[in-house]
C-alpha atoms as a PDB file:
ATOM      1  CA  MET A   1      57.233 -68.265  56.006  1.00  0.00           C
ATOM      2  CA  HIS A   2      55.969 -64.907  55.644  1.00  0.00           C
ATOM      3  CA  ALA A   3      55.204 -65.001  59.549  1.00  0.00           C
ATOM      4  CA  ARG A   4      59.031 -65.628  59.911  1.00  0.00           C
ATOM      5  CA  ARG A   5      59.557 -62.759  57.421  1.00  0.00           C
ATOM      6  CA  ARG A   6      57.692 -60.215  59.258  1.00  0.00           C
ATOM      7  CA  PHE A   7      59.124 -61.535  62.517  1.00  0.00           C
ATOM      8  CA  THR A   8      62.419 -60.669  61.212  1.00  0.00           C
ATOM      9  CA  ASP A   9      61.412 -57.234  60.107  1.00  0.00           C
ATOM     10  CA  PHE A  10      60.208 -56.425  63.577  1.00  0.00           C
ATOM     11  CA  LEU A  11      63.526 -57.696  64.778  1.00  0.00           C
ATOM     12  CA  LEU A  12      65.194 -55.287  62.604  1.00  0.00           C
ATOM     13  CA  ARG A  13      63.056 -52.366  63.823  1.00  0.00           C
ATOM     14  CA  PHE A  14      63.427 -53.390  67.372  1.00  0.00           C
ATOM     15  CA  ALA A  15      67.296 -53.174  67.104  1.00  0.00           C
ATOM     16  CA  ALA A  16      67.132 -50.156  65.099  1.00  0.00           C
ATOM     17  CA  ALA A  17      64.906 -48.541  68.267  1.00  0.00           C
ATOM     18  CA  LEU A  18      67.564 -49.631  70.907  1.00  0.00           C
ATOM     19  CA  CYS A  19      70.480 -48.340  68.748  1.00  0.00           C
ATOM     20  CA  VAL A  20      68.490 -44.930  69.077  1.00  0.00           C
ATOM     21  CA  VAL A  21      68.290 -45.229  72.527  1.00  0.00           C
ATOM     22  CA  ALA A  22      71.496 -46.466  73.165  1.00  0.00           C
ATOM     23  CA  LEU A  23      72.969 -42.900  71.360  1.00  0.00           C
ATOM     24  CA  VAL A  24      70.843 -40.844  73.255  1.00  0.00           C
ATOM     25  CA  LEU A  25      72.120 -42.337  76.499  1.00  0.00           C
ATOM     26  CA  VAL A  26      75.749 -41.951  75.109  1.00  0.00           C
ATOM     27  CA  VAL A  27      74.887 -38.342  74.469  1.00  0.00           C
ATOM     28  CA  TYR A  28      73.371 -38.158  78.029  1.00  0.00           C
ATOM     29  CA  MET A  29      76.109 -39.583  79.595  1.00  0.00           C
ATOM     30  CA  GLY A  30      78.971 -37.747  77.974  1.00  0.00           C
ATOM     31  CA  VAL A  31      77.426 -34.383  77.489  1.00  0.00           C
ATOM     32  CA  ALA A  32      73.940 -33.592  79.246  1.00  0.00           C
ATOM     33  CA  ARG A  33      74.969 -35.140  82.716  1.00  0.00           C
ATOM     34  CA  PRO A  34      78.481 -33.951  82.930  1.00  0.00           C
ATOM     35  CA  PHE A  35      77.477 -30.659  82.470  1.00  0.00           C
ATOM     36  CA  MET A  36      74.225 -30.598  85.170  1.00  0.00           C
ATOM     37  CA  LEU A  37      76.271 -32.260  87.556  1.00  0.00           C
ATOM     38  CA  HIS A  38      78.467 -29.077  87.858  1.00  0.00           C
ATOM     39  CA  TRP A  39      75.834 -26.878  86.679  1.00  0.00           C
ATOM     40  CA  GLY A  40      76.878 -23.112  87.640  1.00  0.00           C
ATOM     41  CA  ALA A  41      79.911 -24.384  90.127  1.00  0.00           C
ATOM     42  CA  THR A  42      83.683 -23.401  89.640  1.00  0.00           C
ATOM     43  CA  PRO A  43      86.417 -25.881  89.012  1.00  0.00           C
ATOM     44  CA  SER A  44      87.753 -25.034  92.931  1.00  0.00           C
ATOM     45  CA  GLU A  45      84.259 -25.644  94.482  1.00  0.00           C
ATOM     46  CA  ILE A  46      84.194 -28.938  92.825  1.00  0.00           C
ATOM     47  CA  ALA A  47      87.343 -29.952  93.893  1.00  0.00           C
ATOM     48  CA  ARG A  48      87.360 -28.641  97.216  1.00  0.00           C
ATOM     49  CA  ALA A  49      86.199 -30.302 100.447  1.00  0.00           C
ATOM     50  CA  LEU A  50      83.221 -29.462 102.086  1.00  0.00           C
ATOM     51  CA  PRO A  51      81.330 -30.114 105.207  1.00  0.00           C
ATOM     52  CA  GLY A  52      79.580 -33.801 105.278  1.00  0.00           C
ATOM     53  CA  ASP A  53      81.719 -35.509 102.288  1.00  0.00           C
ATOM     54  CA  GLU A  54      82.865 -37.912 104.955  1.00  0.00           C
ATOM     55  CA  LEU A  55      79.284 -39.328 104.826  1.00  0.00           C
ATOM     56  CA  ALA A  56      79.809 -40.828 101.189  1.00  0.00           C
ATOM     57  CA  LEU A  57      83.157 -41.763 100.669  1.00  0.00           C
ATOM     58  CA  GLN A  58      82.905 -43.098  97.647  1.00  0.00           C
ATOM     59  CA  PRO A  59      79.438 -42.187  95.580  1.00  0.00           C
ATOM     60  CA  SER A  60      78.755 -43.203  92.384  1.00  0.00           C
ATOM     61  CA  PHE A  61      76.343 -40.158  92.256  1.00  0.00           C
ATOM     62  CA  ASP A  62      78.225 -36.631  93.350  1.00  0.00           C
ATOM     63  CA  ALA A  63      77.228 -33.480  92.059  1.00  0.00           C
ATOM     64  CA  THR A  64      78.204 -30.233  92.943  1.00  0.00           C
ATOM     65  CA  ARG A  65      76.227 -26.799  91.743  1.00  0.00           C
ATOM     66  CA  ALA A  66      76.388 -23.227  92.950  1.00  0.00           C
ATOM     67  CA  ILE A  67      74.463 -19.746  92.366  1.00  0.00           C
ATOM     68  CA  THR A  68      75.975 -15.992  92.962  1.00  0.00           C
ATOM     69  CA  ILE A  69      73.087 -14.546  95.166  1.00  0.00           C
ATOM     70  CA  ASP A  70      73.202 -10.691  95.883  1.00  0.00           C
ATOM     71  CA  ALA A  71      72.683 -11.015  99.613  1.00  0.00           C
ATOM     72  CA  PRO A  72      74.721 -11.996 102.716  1.00  0.00           C
ATOM     73  CA  PRO A  73      73.970 -15.709 104.313  1.00  0.00           C
ATOM     74  CA  GLU A  74      72.334 -14.473 106.863  1.00  0.00           C
ATOM     75  CA  GLN A  75      69.383 -13.445 104.373  1.00  0.00           C
ATOM     76  CA  ILE A  76      69.374 -16.410 102.250  1.00  0.00           C
ATOM     77  CA  TRP A  77      69.481 -19.003 105.158  1.00  0.00           C
ATOM     78  CA  PRO A  78      66.020 -18.590 106.057  1.00  0.00           C
ATOM     79  CA  TRP A  79      64.895 -19.450 102.743  1.00  0.00           C
ATOM     80  CA  VAL A  80      67.157 -22.192 102.372  1.00  0.00           C
ATOM     81  CA  VAL A  81      66.315 -24.058 105.947  1.00  0.00           C
ATOM     82  CA  GLN A  82      62.679 -24.248 105.404  1.00  0.00           C
ATOM     83  CA  ILE A  83      62.776 -26.099 102.031  1.00  0.00           C
ATOM     84  CA  GLY A  84      60.941 -29.302 102.186  1.00  0.00           C
ATOM     85  CA  PHE A  85      57.513 -31.030 101.305  1.00  0.00           C
ATOM     86  CA  GLY A  86      54.905 -30.023 103.520  1.00  0.00           C
ATOM     87  CA  ARG A  87      57.010 -26.896 104.328  1.00  0.00           C
ATOM     88  CA  ALA A  88      57.970 -24.011 102.316  1.00  0.00           C
ATOM     89  CA  GLY A  89      58.029 -26.600  99.154  1.00  0.00           C
ATOM     90  CA  PHE A  90      60.993 -26.567  96.691  1.00  0.00           C
ATOM     91  CA  TYR A  91      60.858 -23.359  94.847  1.00  0.00           C
ATOM     92  CA  GLY A  92      60.768 -25.116  91.763  1.00  0.00           C
ATOM     93  CA  TYR A  93      58.281 -27.355  89.830  1.00  0.00           C
ATOM     94  CA  ASP A  94      55.747 -27.073  92.129  1.00  0.00           C
ATOM     95  CA  ILE A  95      53.130 -29.077  89.725  1.00  0.00           C
ATOM     96  CA  LEU A  96      55.168 -32.123  90.527  1.00  0.00           C
ATOM     97  CA  GLU A  97      57.363 -31.687  93.371  1.00  0.00           C
ATOM     98  CA  ASN A  98      54.422 -30.408  95.785  1.00  0.00           C
ATOM     99  CA  ILE A  99      51.770 -32.505  94.630  1.00  0.00           C
ATOM    100  CA  ALA A 100      49.249 -33.505  97.581  1.00  0.00           C
ATOM    101  CA  SER A 101      51.209 -31.575 100.254  1.00  0.00           C
ATOM    102  CA  PRO A 102      49.502 -30.677 103.021  1.00  0.00           C
ATOM    103  CA  THR A 103      50.694 -26.585 102.688  1.00  0.00           C
ATOM    104  CA  GLY A 104      49.282 -26.437  99.262  1.00  0.00           C
ATOM    105  CA  LEU A 105      50.528 -26.626  95.379  1.00  0.00           C
ATOM    106  CA  ARG A 106      52.609 -23.653  95.502  1.00  0.00           C
ATOM    107  CA  SER A 107      55.798 -22.932  96.982  1.00  0.00           C
ATOM    108  CA  ALA A 108      56.038 -20.487  99.955  1.00  0.00           C
ATOM    109  CA  THR A 109      56.897 -16.863  98.818  1.00  0.00           C
ATOM    110  CA  THR A 110      57.779 -15.585 102.372  1.00  0.00           C
ATOM    111  CA  ILE A 111      59.774 -16.737 105.334  1.00  0.00           C
ATOM    112  CA  LEU A 112      57.974 -18.950 107.667  1.00  0.00           C
ATOM    113  CA  PRO A 113      58.931 -18.482 111.184  1.00  0.00           C
ATOM    114  CA  ALA A 114      57.725 -21.592 112.254  1.00  0.00           C
ATOM    115  CA  LEU A 115      60.276 -23.758 109.880  1.00  0.00           C
ATOM    116  CA  GLN A 116      63.347 -21.727 110.776  1.00  0.00           C
ATOM    117  CA  ASN A 117      64.806 -24.027 113.775  1.00  0.00           C
ATOM    118  CA  PRO A 118      64.796 -27.457 112.551  1.00  0.00           C
ATOM    119  CA  LEU A 119      66.819 -30.080 115.069  1.00  0.00           C
ATOM    120  CA  PRO A 120      69.277 -32.499 114.042  1.00  0.00           C
ATOM    121  CA  GLY A 121      67.464 -35.767 113.816  1.00  0.00           C
ATOM    122  CA  GLU A 122      64.159 -34.388 112.760  1.00  0.00           C
ATOM    123  CA  PRO A 123      62.244 -35.665 109.456  1.00  0.00           C
ATOM    124  CA  LEU A 124      62.793 -33.668 106.217  1.00  0.00           C
ATOM    125  CA  PRO A 125      59.921 -34.937 103.742  1.00  0.00           C
ATOM    126  CA  LEU A 126      60.747 -34.920 100.133  1.00  0.00           C
ATOM    127  CA  SER A 127      57.360 -36.295  98.842  1.00  0.00           C
ATOM    128  CA  ALA A 128      54.359 -38.058 100.374  1.00  0.00           C
ATOM    129  CA  ALA A 129      56.327 -41.252 100.041  1.00  0.00           C
ATOM    130  CA  GLY A 130      59.050 -40.112 102.332  1.00  0.00           C
ATOM    131  CA  GLY A 131      62.466 -38.200 102.715  1.00  0.00           C
ATOM    132  CA  LEU A 132      65.354 -37.485 104.843  1.00  0.00           C
ATOM    133  CA  VAL A 133      66.333 -35.995 107.824  1.00  0.00           C
ATOM    134  CA  PHE A 134      68.174 -32.862 109.086  1.00  0.00           C
ATOM    135  CA  SER A 135      71.844 -33.985 110.067  1.00  0.00           C
ATOM    136  CA  THR A 136      73.579 -30.864 110.467  1.00  0.00           C
ATOM    137  CA  VAL A 137      72.127 -27.280 111.188  1.00  0.00           C
ATOM    138  CA  GLU A 138      74.670 -24.857 111.499  1.00  0.00           C
ATOM    139  CA  PRO A 139      73.524 -21.214 110.469  1.00  0.00           C
ATOM    140  CA  PRO A 140      73.686 -19.299 108.621  1.00  0.00           C
ATOM    141  CA  ASN A 141      76.533 -21.562 106.550  1.00  0.00           C
ATOM    142  CA  VAL A 142      75.932 -25.507 106.653  1.00  0.00           C
ATOM    143  CA  LEU A 143      72.806 -27.472 106.585  1.00  0.00           C
ATOM    144  CA  ILE A 144      73.035 -31.250 105.514  1.00  0.00           C
ATOM    145  CA  TRP A 145      70.349 -33.372 105.172  1.00  0.00           C
ATOM    146  CA  THR A 146      70.912 -37.185 105.099  1.00  0.00           C
ATOM    147  CA  GLY A 147      69.193 -40.769 104.328  1.00  0.00           C
ATOM    148  CA  PRO A 148      67.482 -42.398 107.183  1.00  0.00           C
ATOM    149  CA  ASP A 149      68.775 -45.990 107.721  1.00  0.00           C
ATOM    150  CA  ASP A 150      71.021 -47.515 105.214  1.00  0.00           C
ATOM    151  CA  THR A 151      69.557 -45.592 102.665  1.00  0.00           C
ATOM    152  CA  GLY A 152      72.848 -43.257 102.606  1.00  0.00           C
ATOM    153  CA  GLY A 153      74.054 -40.146 101.106  1.00  0.00           C
ATOM    154  CA  GLN A 154      74.118 -36.687 101.918  1.00  0.00           C
ATOM    155  CA  PHE A 155      72.524 -33.695 100.774  1.00  0.00           C
ATOM    156  CA  LEU A 156      74.688 -30.240 101.472  1.00  0.00           C
ATOM    157  CA  TRP A 157      73.614 -26.761 101.309  1.00  0.00           C
ATOM    158  CA  PHE A 158      76.726 -24.251 102.041  1.00  0.00           C
ATOM    159  CA  LEU A 159      76.540 -20.777 102.002  1.00  0.00           C
ATOM    160  CA  GLU A 160      79.704 -19.224 101.553  1.00  0.00           C
ATOM    161  CA  PRO A 161      80.146 -15.085 101.759  1.00  0.00           C
ATOM    162  CA  THR A 162      82.226 -13.752  98.773  1.00  0.00           C
ATOM    163  CA  GLY A 163      83.507 -10.724 100.825  1.00  0.00           C
ATOM    164  CA  ASP A 164      81.287  -8.360  98.335  1.00  0.00           C
ATOM    165  CA  GLY A 165      77.834  -8.453  99.450  1.00  0.00           C
ATOM    166  CA  GLN A 166      77.378 -11.545  97.894  1.00  0.00           C
ATOM    167  CA  THR A 167      76.698 -15.274  98.727  1.00  0.00           C
ATOM    168  CA  ARG A 168      77.742 -18.352  96.801  1.00  0.00           C
ATOM    169  CA  LEU A 169      74.875 -21.225  97.327  1.00  0.00           C
ATOM    170  CA  ILE A 170      76.292 -24.245  96.903  1.00  0.00           C
ATOM    171  CA  SER A 171      74.726 -27.688  96.402  1.00  0.00           C
ATOM    172  CA  ARG A 172      76.604 -30.762  97.133  1.00  0.00           C
ATOM    173  CA  ILE A 173      74.772 -34.311  96.659  1.00  0.00           C
ATOM    174  CA  ARG A 174      76.769 -37.597  97.019  1.00  0.00           C
ATOM    175  CA  TRP A 175      74.939 -40.917  97.346  1.00  0.00           C
ATOM    176  CA  SER A 176      75.340 -44.307  95.913  1.00  0.00           C
ATOM    177  CA  HIS A 177      72.815 -46.303  93.674  1.00  0.00           C
ATOM    178  CA  HIS A 178      71.008 -49.319  95.429  1.00  0.00           C
ATOM    179  CA  TRP A 179      71.644 -51.814  92.406  1.00  0.00           C
ATOM    180  CA  THR A 180      70.682 -54.564  94.718  1.00  0.00           C
ATOM    181  CA  GLN A 181      67.272 -53.014  96.228  1.00  0.00           C
ATOM    182  CA  PRO A 182      64.786 -52.846  92.994  1.00  0.00           C
ATOM    183  CA  GLY A 183      62.331 -50.647  94.858  1.00  0.00           C
ATOM    184  CA  VAL A 184      64.944 -48.076  96.100  1.00  0.00           C
ATOM    185  CA  LEU A 185      67.030 -48.321  92.453  1.00  0.00           C
ATOM    186  CA  ALA A 186      63.853 -47.378  90.741  1.00  0.00           C
ATOM    187  CA  MET A 187      63.700 -43.694  92.926  1.00  0.00           C
ATOM    188  CA  ASP A 188      67.548 -43.884  92.196  1.00  0.00           C
ATOM    189  CA  MET A 189      66.880 -43.668  88.702  1.00  0.00           C
ATOM    190  CA  PHE A 190      64.228 -41.381  88.855  1.00  0.00           C
ATOM    191  CA  THR A 191      66.733 -39.200  90.858  1.00  0.00           C
ATOM    192  CA  GLU A 192      69.308 -39.760  88.278  1.00  0.00           C
ATOM    193  CA  ILE A 193      67.448 -37.825  85.537  1.00  0.00           C
ATOM    194  CA  ALA A 194      65.114 -35.228  87.594  1.00  0.00           C
ATOM    195  CA  ASP A 195      67.406 -34.064  89.744  1.00  0.00           C
ATOM    196  CA  HIS A 196      70.038 -32.072  87.612  1.00  0.00           C
ATOM    197  CA  ILE A 197      66.902 -29.961  86.483  1.00  0.00           C
ATOM    198  CA  ALA A 198      65.195 -30.045  90.220  1.00  0.00           C
ATOM    199  CA  VAL A 199      68.208 -28.674  91.853  1.00  0.00           C
ATOM    200  CA  ARG A 200      69.071 -26.070  89.339  1.00  0.00           C
ATOM    201  CA  GLU A 201      65.448 -24.765  89.756  1.00  0.00           C
ATOM    202  CA  VAL A 202      65.685 -24.909  93.284  1.00  0.00           C
ATOM    203  CA  LEU A 203      68.992 -22.870  93.312  1.00  0.00           C
ATOM    204  CA  LEU A 204      67.258 -20.410  91.082  1.00  0.00           C
ATOM    205  CA  GLY A 205      64.211 -20.186  93.165  1.00  0.00           C
ATOM    206  CA  VAL A 206      65.954 -19.323  96.248  1.00  0.00           C
ATOM    207  CA  LYS A 207      67.950 -16.496  94.119  1.00  0.00           C
ATOM    208  CA  GLY A 208      64.684 -14.985  92.881  1.00  0.00           C
ATOM    209  CA  ARG A 209      63.288 -15.084  96.065  1.00  0.00           C
ATOM    210  CA  VAL A 210      66.094 -13.572  97.914  1.00  0.00           C
ATOM    211  CA  GLU A 211      66.520 -10.891  95.494  1.00  0.00           C
ATOM    212  CA  GLY A 212      62.697 -10.378  94.803  1.00  0.00           C
ATOM    213  CA  HIS A 213      62.476 -11.217  91.086  1.00  0.00           C
ATOM    214  CA  ASN A 214      61.312 -14.678  91.349  1.00  0.00           C
ATOM    215  CA  PRO A 215      59.659 -15.899  87.971  1.00  0.00           C
ATOM    216  CA  PRO A 216      56.007 -16.647  87.780  1.00  0.00           C
ATOM    217  CA  ALA A 217      54.230 -19.809  88.224  1.00  0.00           C
ATOM    218  CA  TRP A 218      52.657 -20.080  85.074  1.00  0.00           C
ATOM    219  CA  GLN A 219      56.504 -19.856  83.755  1.00  0.00           C
ATOM    220  CA  GLN A 220      57.778 -22.700  86.082  1.00  0.00           C
ATOM    221  CA  ASP A 221      54.598 -24.710  84.882  1.00  0.00           C
ATOM    222  CA  GLY A 222      55.375 -24.013  81.428  1.00  0.00           C
ATOM    223  CA  GLU A 223      58.730 -25.387  81.276  1.00  0.00           C
ATOM    224  CA  PHE A 224      57.586 -28.375  83.393  1.00  0.00           C
ATOM    225  CA  TYR A 225      55.197 -29.085  80.642  1.00  0.00           C
ATOM    226  CA  GLY A 226      57.775 -28.531  78.153  1.00  0.00           C
ATOM    227  CA  TYR A 227      60.122 -31.202  79.548  1.00  0.00           C
ATOM    228  CA  VAL A 228      56.942 -33.731  79.376  1.00  0.00           C
ATOM    229  CA  ALA A 229      55.820 -32.835  76.192  1.00  0.00           C
ATOM    230  CA  ALA A 230      59.381 -33.434  74.563  1.00  0.00           C
ATOM    231  CA  TRP A 231      59.874 -36.662  76.293  1.00  0.00           C
ATOM    232  CA  LEU A 232      56.364 -37.583  74.902  1.00  0.00           C
ATOM    233  CA  ILE A 233      57.023 -36.850  71.413  1.00  0.00           C
ATOM    234  CA  PHE A 234      60.558 -39.043  71.763  1.00  0.00           C
ATOM    235  CA  VAL A 235      58.681 -41.893  73.154  1.00  0.00           C
ATOM    236  CA  ALA A 236      56.125 -41.749  70.335  1.00  0.00           C
ATOM    237  CA  ALA A 237      58.504 -41.179  67.859  1.00  0.00           C
ATOM    238  CA  LEU A 238      60.135 -44.920  69.021  1.00  0.00           C
ATOM    239  CA  VAL A 239      56.636 -46.308  68.521  1.00  0.00           C
ATOM    240  CA  VAL A 240      56.756 -45.141  65.379  1.00  0.00           C
ATOM    241  CA  LEU A 241      59.860 -46.522  64.458  1.00  0.00           C
ATOM    242  CA  LEU A 242      58.537 -49.893  65.437  1.00  0.00           C
ATOM    243  CA  VAL A 243      55.285 -50.174  63.856  1.00  0.00           C
ATOM    244  CA  ARG A 244      56.366 -48.521  60.286  1.00  0.00           C
ATOM    245  CA  PRO A 245      58.782 -49.644  57.911  1.00  0.00           C
ATOM    246  CA  LEU A 246      62.386 -49.416  58.659  1.00  0.00           C
ATOM    247  CA  THR A 247      64.257 -46.034  56.617  1.00  0.00           C
ATOM    248  CA  ARG A 248      67.391 -44.661  56.916  1.00  0.00           C
ATOM    249  CA  ARG A 249      65.484 -41.113  57.137  1.00  0.00           C
ATOM    250  CA  ARG A 250      62.853 -42.214  59.538  1.00  0.00           C
ATOM    251  CA  TRP A 251      65.526 -43.660  61.789  1.00  0.00           C
ATOM    252  CA  LEU A 252      67.449 -40.301  61.959  1.00  0.00           C
ATOM    253  CA  LEU A 253      64.140 -38.480  62.266  1.00  0.00           C
ATOM    254  CA  VAL A 254      63.664 -40.628  65.523  1.00  0.00           C
ATOM    255  CA  LEU A 255      66.841 -40.003  66.808  1.00  0.00           C
ATOM    256  CA  ALA A 256      66.525 -36.263  66.210  1.00  0.00           C
ATOM    257  CA  THR A 257      63.440 -36.278  68.672  1.00  0.00           C
ATOM    258  CA  GLY A 258      65.882 -38.026  71.142  1.00  0.00           C
ATOM    259  CA  LEU A 259      68.463 -35.417  70.920  1.00  0.00           C
ATOM    260  CA  LEU A 260      66.074 -32.747  70.997  1.00  0.00           C
ATOM    261  CA  TRP A 261      64.694 -34.143  74.007  1.00  0.00           C
ATOM    262  CA  LEU A 262      67.920 -33.773  75.802  1.00  0.00           C
ATOM    263  CA  ILE A 263      68.313 -30.362  74.785  1.00  0.00           C
ATOM    264  CA  VAL A 264      64.562 -29.227  76.039  1.00  0.00           C
ATOM    265  CA  MET A 265      65.542 -30.852  79.400  1.00  0.00           C
ATOM    266  CA  TYR A 266      69.433 -29.975  80.429  1.00  0.00           C
ATOM    267  CA  ALA A 267      70.263 -26.932  77.706  1.00  0.00           C
ATOM    268  CA  PRO A 268      69.563 -23.590  79.239  1.00  0.00           C
ATOM    269  CA  GLY A 269      67.370 -21.272  76.505  1.00  0.00           C
ATOM    270  CA  GLY A 270      64.441 -20.065  78.126  1.00  0.00           C
ATOM    271  CA  LEU A 271      60.703 -21.292  77.960  1.00  0.00           C
ATOM    272  CA  TRP A 272      60.224 -19.920  74.439  1.00  0.00           C
ATOM    273  CA  MET A 273      63.171 -21.687  72.944  1.00  0.00           C
ATOM    274  CA  GLU A 274      61.824 -24.910  74.918  1.00  0.00           C
ATOM    275  CA  TRP A 275      58.744 -24.755  73.206  1.00  0.00           C
ATOM    276  CA  LEU A 276      60.088 -23.841  70.061  1.00  0.00           C
ATOM    277  CA  LEU A 277      62.091 -26.998  70.075  1.00  0.00           C
ATOM    278  CA  THR A 278      59.476 -29.234  71.404  1.00  0.00           C
ATOM    279  CA  LEU A 279      57.435 -28.085  68.244  1.00  0.00           C
ATOM    280  CA  LEU A 280      60.437 -28.802  66.174  1.00  0.00           C
ATOM    281  CA  SER A 281      60.593 -32.196  67.508  1.00  0.00           C
ATOM    282  CA  ALA A 282      56.718 -32.679  67.307  1.00  0.00           C
ATOM    283  CA  VAL A 283      57.005 -31.884  63.587  1.00  0.00           C
ATOM    284  CA  LEU A 284      59.795 -34.497  62.890  1.00  0.00           C
ATOM    285  CA  LEU A 285      57.513 -36.571  64.589  1.00  0.00           C
ATOM    286  CA  GLY A 286      54.592 -36.134  62.093  1.00  0.00           C
ATOM    287  CA  ILE A 287      57.160 -36.490  59.483  1.00  0.00           C
ATOM    288  CA  ALA A 288      58.614 -40.188  60.732  1.00  0.00           C
ATOM    289  CA  ALA A 289      55.088 -41.041  60.957  1.00  0.00           C
ATOM    290  CA  ARG A 290      53.729 -40.199  57.342  1.00  0.00           C
ATOM    291  CA  ARG A 291      53.554 -43.322  54.842  1.00  0.00           C
ATOM    292  CA  ASP A 292      56.422 -43.589  53.015  1.00  0.00           C
ATOM    293  CA  HIS A 293      56.534 -43.078  49.436  1.00  0.00           C
ATOM    294  CA  PRO A 294      57.156 -45.819  46.937  1.00  0.00           C
ATOM    295  CA  ARG A 295      61.037 -44.523  46.662  1.00  0.00           C
ATOM    296  CA  ALA A 296      61.549 -44.269  50.141  1.00  0.00           C
ATOM    297  CA  ASP A 297      65.177 -45.267  51.228  1.00  0.00           C
ATOM    298  CA  ALA A 298      63.980 -48.633  52.701  1.00  0.00           C
ATOM    299  CA  LEU A 299      66.193 -50.399  54.969  1.00  0.00           C
ATOM    300  CA  HIS A 300      64.422 -53.638  54.325  1.00  0.00           C
ATOM    301  CA  THR A 301      62.077 -54.245  51.648  1.00  0.00           C
ATOM    302  CA  ASP A 302      58.666 -56.069  51.586  1.00  0.00           C
ATOM    303  CA  PRO A 303      59.480 -59.934  50.878  1.00  0.00           C
ATOM    304  CA  ARG A 304      56.390 -60.675  49.135  1.00  0.00           C
ATOM    305  CA  PRO A 305      57.328 -60.764  45.364  1.00  0.00           C
ATOM    306  CA  THR A 306      55.471 -58.666  43.034  1.00  0.00           C
ATOM    307  CA  ARG A 307      53.423 -60.328  40.246  1.00  0.00           C
ATOM    308  CA  PRO A 308      54.437 -59.264  36.675  1.00  0.00           C
ATOM    309  CA  ARG A 309      51.717 -58.054  34.443  1.00  0.00           C
ATOM    310  CA  THR A 310      50.532 -60.220  31.800  1.00  0.00           C
ATOM    311  CA  PRO A 311      50.370 -57.882  28.450  1.00  0.00           C
ATOM    312  CA  ARG A 312      46.784 -58.260  26.656  1.00  0.00           C
ATOM    313  CA  LEU A 313      46.419 -59.562  23.418  1.00  0.00           C
ATOM    314  CA  ALA A 314      45.650 -57.252  20.760  1.00  0.00           C
ATOM    315  CA  GLN A 315      41.978 -57.577  19.644  1.00  0.00           C
END
């Protein structure tokens, strides 16, 4: 009987953990994802047709992001065209994106003449595992990467002068999830989560290099480690929810760590704000992991009956 009740308690805790994950996914899909899919882009930029749209007519992933750079396209193009693994890097989170790169861990801080003239059909490595190919190269305005074979999609970099010496650098990514190809789908899911912050950082990295105020490497590394720390705290909180007695307070604390992870990942707040929120998440994890007070608001109580005390007879 006790074993059956313990199994029932575990199922309740497991269901509570699934509810937390489901709610975090709802917030991600309803708030974080729409915001990051269109980071920096205006409504007209999102709606307009751009070169390469015809390469993915019905994409399941459709993202248009943009940034304003204080320079004409001719000064920005050399930085964009040399992007790639084993090339100039990605100007973002080098600690992840450039692991095992033959050109070193850090992205280039200068224009590399040998990488300025790629030809359509040449490979564009994204990692040691593979990448894309150059499809369209029209300096200084249009650069399109496409997937090899039938792995599909298009990755557009569009440089549009604004007439006042500035340029709008627009990134558009359109591709479809490969639901019937588990190996490719795993990479799709990683891209689904990481692409939002990666492309944002690429745009900021190009802007910083062109304008001469690129953030130091330690700052970008610190941001990346903050994302990882917030995610690990959320995972640890879910484990706590599975192994500790289920209470309303504990469930709400675990949910809070999940929401803080989303804020750290996707809300622009700077390095110090990111780590402050990560520290707050760690504090909430510590509270959730503590043993409950006897009067804790338990959602399910210990099934074992308490044995009533037998009063002692007076001597």
